[in-house]
Amino acid sequence: MVDTDLLTKQLSSHFKNSCIQIYDDAHLHTNHTQFQSQKAYLRIHIQLETAMPRLKLHREIMQLAKHYCPIEIHAIQINLI
């Protein structure tokens, strides 16, 4: 289980003046044959005040998420709003 509040707090402090929502979507993957309950399935909606290249944004989010997520991340969906 992922503490989405902690992860939201950490991402918000890294990306100043941004609006971030994080969802744990593990329940959507339970019927998949390769589902692993000890891995994280995250969906992140982020609205940035200043523009950033999508690849750079994804890399920074992954780096922070890996650091603050207690379990391995299997899937992460990032929606730039």
N, C-alpha and C. Protein backbone atom coordinates (compact mmCIF):
# COMPACT_ATOMS: atom_id res chain seq x y z
N MET A 1 0.84 -1.19 0.00
CA MET A 1 0.00 0.00 0.00
C MET A 1 0.88 1.25 0.00
N VAL A 2 0.50 2.20 -0.77
CA VAL A 2 1.28 3.43 -0.93
C VAL A 2 0.62 4.56 -0.14
N ASP A 3 1.42 5.31 0.58
CA ASP A 3 0.91 6.49 1.29
C ASP A 3 0.87 7.64 0.29
N THR A 4 -0.28 7.80 -0.37
CA THR A 4 -0.40 8.82 -1.42
C THR A 4 -0.31 10.23 -0.85
N ASP A 5 -0.71 10.42 0.42
CA ASP A 5 -0.61 11.75 1.03
C ASP A 5 0.85 12.17 1.19
N LEU A 6 1.68 11.24 1.65
CA LEU A 6 3.11 11.54 1.80
C LEU A 6 3.75 11.82 0.44
N LEU A 7 3.43 11.01 -0.53
CA LEU A 7 3.99 11.20 -1.87
C LEU A 7 3.52 12.53 -2.47
N THR A 8 2.26 12.87 -2.26
CA THR A 8 1.73 14.16 -2.75
C THR A 8 2.48 15.31 -2.09
N LYS A 9 2.71 15.20 -0.81
CA LYS A 9 3.43 16.26 -0.08
C LYS A 9 4.85 16.43 -0.62
N GLN A 10 5.54 15.32 -0.86
CA GLN A 10 6.90 15.38 -1.35
C GLN A 10 6.97 15.96 -2.77
N LEU A 11 6.06 15.53 -3.63
CA LEU A 11 6.05 16.05 -5.00
C LEU A 11 5.67 17.53 -5.02
N SER A 12 4.73 17.92 -4.15
CA SER A 12 4.32 19.32 -4.08
C SER A 12 5.46 20.22 -3.61
N SER A 13 6.28 19.72 -2.70
CA SER A 13 7.41 20.53 -2.24
C SER A 13 8.50 20.62 -3.31
N HIS A 14 8.59 19.60 -4.16
CA HIS A 14 9.59 19.62 -5.24
C HIS A 14 9.12 20.51 -6.40
N PHE A 15 7.87 20.35 -6.79
CA PHE A 15 7.30 21.14 -7.88
C PHE A 15 6.50 22.28 -7.26
N LYS A 16 7.17 23.40 -7.01
CA LYS A 16 6.55 24.54 -6.35
C LYS A 16 5.36 25.08 -7.16
N ASN A 17 4.36 25.56 -6.46
CA ASN A 17 3.16 26.15 -7.06
C ASN A 17 2.49 25.22 -8.07
N SER A 18 2.43 23.95 -7.73
CA SER A 18 1.78 22.99 -8.62
C SER A 18 0.57 22.39 -7.91
N CYS A 19 -0.31 21.82 -8.68
CA CYS A 19 -1.48 21.13 -8.14
C CYS A 19 -1.30 19.65 -8.49
N ILE A 20 -1.26 18.80 -7.47
CA ILE A 20 -0.96 17.38 -7.68
C ILE A 20 -2.00 16.51 -6.99
N GLN A 21 -2.48 15.51 -7.71
CA GLN A 21 -3.38 14.50 -7.16
C GLN A 21 -2.79 13.14 -7.49
N ILE A 22 -2.72 12.27 -6.50
CA ILE A 22 -2.15 10.93 -6.70
C ILE A 22 -3.18 9.89 -6.28
N TYR A 23 -3.34 8.89 -7.13
CA TYR A 23 -4.31 7.82 -6.88
C TYR A 23 -3.58 6.48 -6.90
N ASP A 24 -3.94 5.61 -5.97
CA ASP A 24 -3.42 4.25 -5.93
C ASP A 24 -4.42 3.38 -6.70
N ASP A 25 -4.05 2.96 -7.89
CA ASP A 25 -4.95 2.21 -8.78
C ASP A 25 -4.72 0.70 -8.74
N ALA A 26 -4.16 0.19 -7.67
CA ALA A 26 -3.89 -1.24 -7.57
C ALA A 26 -5.17 -2.06 -7.73
N HIS A 27 -6.28 -1.55 -7.20
CA HIS A 27 -7.55 -2.29 -7.29
C HIS A 27 -8.01 -2.51 -8.73
N LEU A 28 -7.55 -1.69 -9.65
CA LEU A 28 -7.94 -1.83 -11.06
C LEU A 28 -7.16 -2.95 -11.76
N HIS A 29 -6.12 -3.45 -11.12
CA HIS A 29 -5.23 -4.44 -11.73
C HIS A 29 -5.35 -5.83 -11.11
N THR A 30 -6.20 -5.98 -10.12
CA THR A 30 -6.28 -7.26 -9.39
C THR A 30 -6.69 -8.43 -10.26
N ASN A 31 -7.41 -8.20 -11.34
CA ASN A 31 -7.85 -9.29 -12.23
C ASN A 31 -6.81 -9.66 -13.27
N HIS A 32 -5.73 -8.92 -13.36
CA HIS A 32 -4.68 -9.22 -14.33
C HIS A 32 -3.89 -10.44 -13.87
N THR A 33 -3.50 -11.27 -14.80
CA THR A 33 -2.80 -12.51 -14.43
C THR A 33 -1.45 -12.24 -13.79
N GLN A 34 -0.81 -11.16 -14.14
CA GLN A 34 0.52 -10.84 -13.59
C GLN A 34 0.45 -9.85 -12.44
N PHE A 35 -0.73 -9.64 -11.85
CA PHE A 35 -0.88 -8.68 -10.75
C PHE A 35 -0.04 -9.11 -9.55
N GLN A 36 0.66 -8.13 -8.97
CA GLN A 36 1.49 -8.39 -7.79
C GLN A 36 1.11 -7.37 -6.72
N SER A 37 0.52 -7.83 -5.65
CA SER A 37 0.02 -6.93 -4.61
C SER A 37 1.13 -6.15 -3.91
N GLN A 38 2.35 -6.61 -3.99
CA GLN A 38 3.46 -5.92 -3.33
C GLN A 38 4.09 -4.85 -4.23
N LYS A 39 3.44 -4.52 -5.34
CA LYS A 39 3.94 -3.47 -6.23
C LYS A 39 2.90 -2.36 -6.34
N ALA A 40 3.37 -1.15 -6.64
CA ALA A 40 2.50 0.03 -6.71
C ALA A 40 2.03 0.29 -8.13
N TYR A 41 0.77 0.68 -8.23
CA TYR A 41 0.14 1.06 -9.49
C TYR A 41 -0.42 2.47 -9.27
N LEU A 42 0.29 3.49 -9.74
CA LEU A 42 -0.06 4.86 -9.43
C LEU A 42 -0.55 5.64 -10.64
N ARG A 43 -1.45 6.58 -10.36
CA ARG A 43 -1.91 7.54 -11.37
C ARG A 43 -1.73 8.92 -10.76
N ILE A 44 -1.01 9.78 -11.48
CA ILE A 44 -0.71 11.12 -10.98
C ILE A 44 -1.24 12.16 -11.96
N HIS A 45 -2.02 13.10 -11.42
CA HIS A 45 -2.46 14.26 -12.19
C HIS A 45 -1.67 15.45 -11.65
N ILE A 46 -1.03 16.17 -12.54
CA ILE A 46 -0.19 17.29 -12.11
C ILE A 46 -0.41 18.49 -13.03
N GLN A 47 -0.56 19.64 -12.39
CA GLN A 47 -0.68 20.89 -13.11
C GLN A 47 0.47 21.78 -12.66
N LEU A 48 1.33 22.13 -13.58
CA LEU A 48 2.51 22.92 -13.27
C LEU A 48 2.28 24.38 -13.60
N GLU A 49 2.89 25.25 -12.81
CA GLU A 49 2.81 26.68 -13.07
C GLU A 49 3.68 27.07 -14.26
N THR A 50 4.85 26.43 -14.36
CA THR A 50 5.76 26.71 -15.47
C THR A 50 5.91 25.44 -16.31
N ALA A 51 6.10 25.63 -17.59
CA ALA A 51 6.21 24.49 -18.51
C ALA A 51 7.49 23.71 -18.27
N MET A 52 7.40 22.41 -18.51
CA MET A 52 8.56 21.52 -18.36
C MET A 52 8.42 20.43 -19.41
N PRO A 53 9.51 20.04 -20.05
CA PRO A 53 9.43 18.94 -21.01
C PRO A 53 8.87 17.68 -20.34
N ARG A 54 8.00 16.98 -21.05
CA ARG A 54 7.31 15.82 -20.50
C ARG A 54 8.28 14.74 -20.00
N LEU A 55 9.33 14.47 -20.76
CA LEU A 55 10.29 13.44 -20.37
C LEU A 55 11.02 13.82 -19.08
N LYS A 56 11.41 15.09 -18.96
CA LYS A 56 12.06 15.55 -17.74
C LYS A 56 11.11 15.44 -16.55
N LEU A 57 9.86 15.82 -16.74
CA LEU A 57 8.86 15.70 -15.69
C LEU A 57 8.71 14.25 -15.24
N HIS A 58 8.60 13.35 -16.19
CA HIS A 58 8.43 11.93 -15.88
C HIS A 58 9.64 11.40 -15.10
N ARG A 59 10.83 11.76 -15.51
CA ARG A 59 12.04 11.29 -14.83
C ARG A 59 12.11 11.81 -13.39
N GLU A 60 11.78 13.08 -13.20
CA GLU A 60 11.82 13.65 -11.85
C GLU A 60 10.77 13.01 -10.95
N ILE A 61 9.57 12.80 -11.47
CA ILE A 61 8.52 12.16 -10.68
C ILE A 61 8.93 10.74 -10.33
N MET A 62 9.47 9.99 -11.28
CA MET A 62 9.89 8.61 -11.00
C MET A 62 10.98 8.57 -9.94
N GLN A 63 11.93 9.47 -10.02
CA GLN A 63 13.01 9.49 -9.05
C GLN A 63 12.48 9.76 -7.65
N LEU A 64 11.59 10.75 -7.52
CA LEU A 64 11.03 11.06 -6.21
C LEU A 64 10.11 9.94 -5.72
N ALA A 65 9.31 9.39 -6.62
CA ALA A 65 8.37 8.34 -6.23
C ALA A 65 9.13 7.10 -5.74
N LYS A 66 10.20 6.74 -6.41
CA LYS A 66 11.00 5.59 -5.99
C LYS A 66 11.58 5.81 -4.60
N HIS A 67 11.96 7.05 -4.32
CA HIS A 67 12.56 7.37 -3.03
C HIS A 67 11.54 7.33 -1.89
N TYR A 68 10.32 7.78 -2.14
CA TYR A 68 9.31 7.90 -1.09
C TYR A 68 8.25 6.80 -1.09
N CYS A 69 8.30 5.92 -2.06
CA CYS A 69 7.34 4.82 -2.13
C CYS A 69 7.96 3.59 -1.46
N PRO A 70 7.31 3.02 -0.44
CA PRO A 70 7.92 1.91 0.30
C PRO A 70 7.97 0.60 -0.48
N ILE A 71 7.21 0.51 -1.57
CA ILE A 71 7.21 -0.71 -2.38
C ILE A 71 7.61 -0.36 -3.81
N GLU A 72 7.98 -1.37 -4.57
CA GLU A 72 8.40 -1.16 -5.95
C GLU A 72 7.24 -0.66 -6.81
N ILE A 73 7.53 0.28 -7.69
CA ILE A 73 6.52 0.81 -8.60
C ILE A 73 6.47 -0.06 -9.84
N HIS A 74 5.28 -0.61 -10.11
CA HIS A 74 5.11 -1.43 -11.31
C HIS A 74 4.63 -0.57 -12.48
N ALA A 75 3.68 0.34 -12.19
CA ALA A 75 3.12 1.18 -13.25
C ALA A 75 2.83 2.56 -12.69
N ILE A 76 3.13 3.56 -13.49
CA ILE A 76 2.82 4.92 -13.10
C ILE A 76 2.31 5.66 -14.34
N GLN A 77 1.14 6.26 -14.18
CA GLN A 77 0.52 7.01 -15.27
C GLN A 77 0.55 8.48 -14.86
N ILE A 78 1.18 9.32 -15.67
CA ILE A 78 1.29 10.73 -15.35
C ILE A 78 0.47 11.53 -16.36
N ASN A 79 -0.51 12.27 -15.83
CA ASN A 79 -1.36 13.11 -16.67
C ASN A 79 -1.01 14.57 -16.39
N LEU A 80 -0.49 15.24 -17.39
CA LEU A 80 -0.15 16.65 -17.29
C LEU A 80 -1.38 17.47 -17.67
N ILE A 81 -1.84 18.25 -16.73
CA ILE A 81 -3.08 19.02 -16.94
C ILE A 81 -2.74 20.43 -17.36
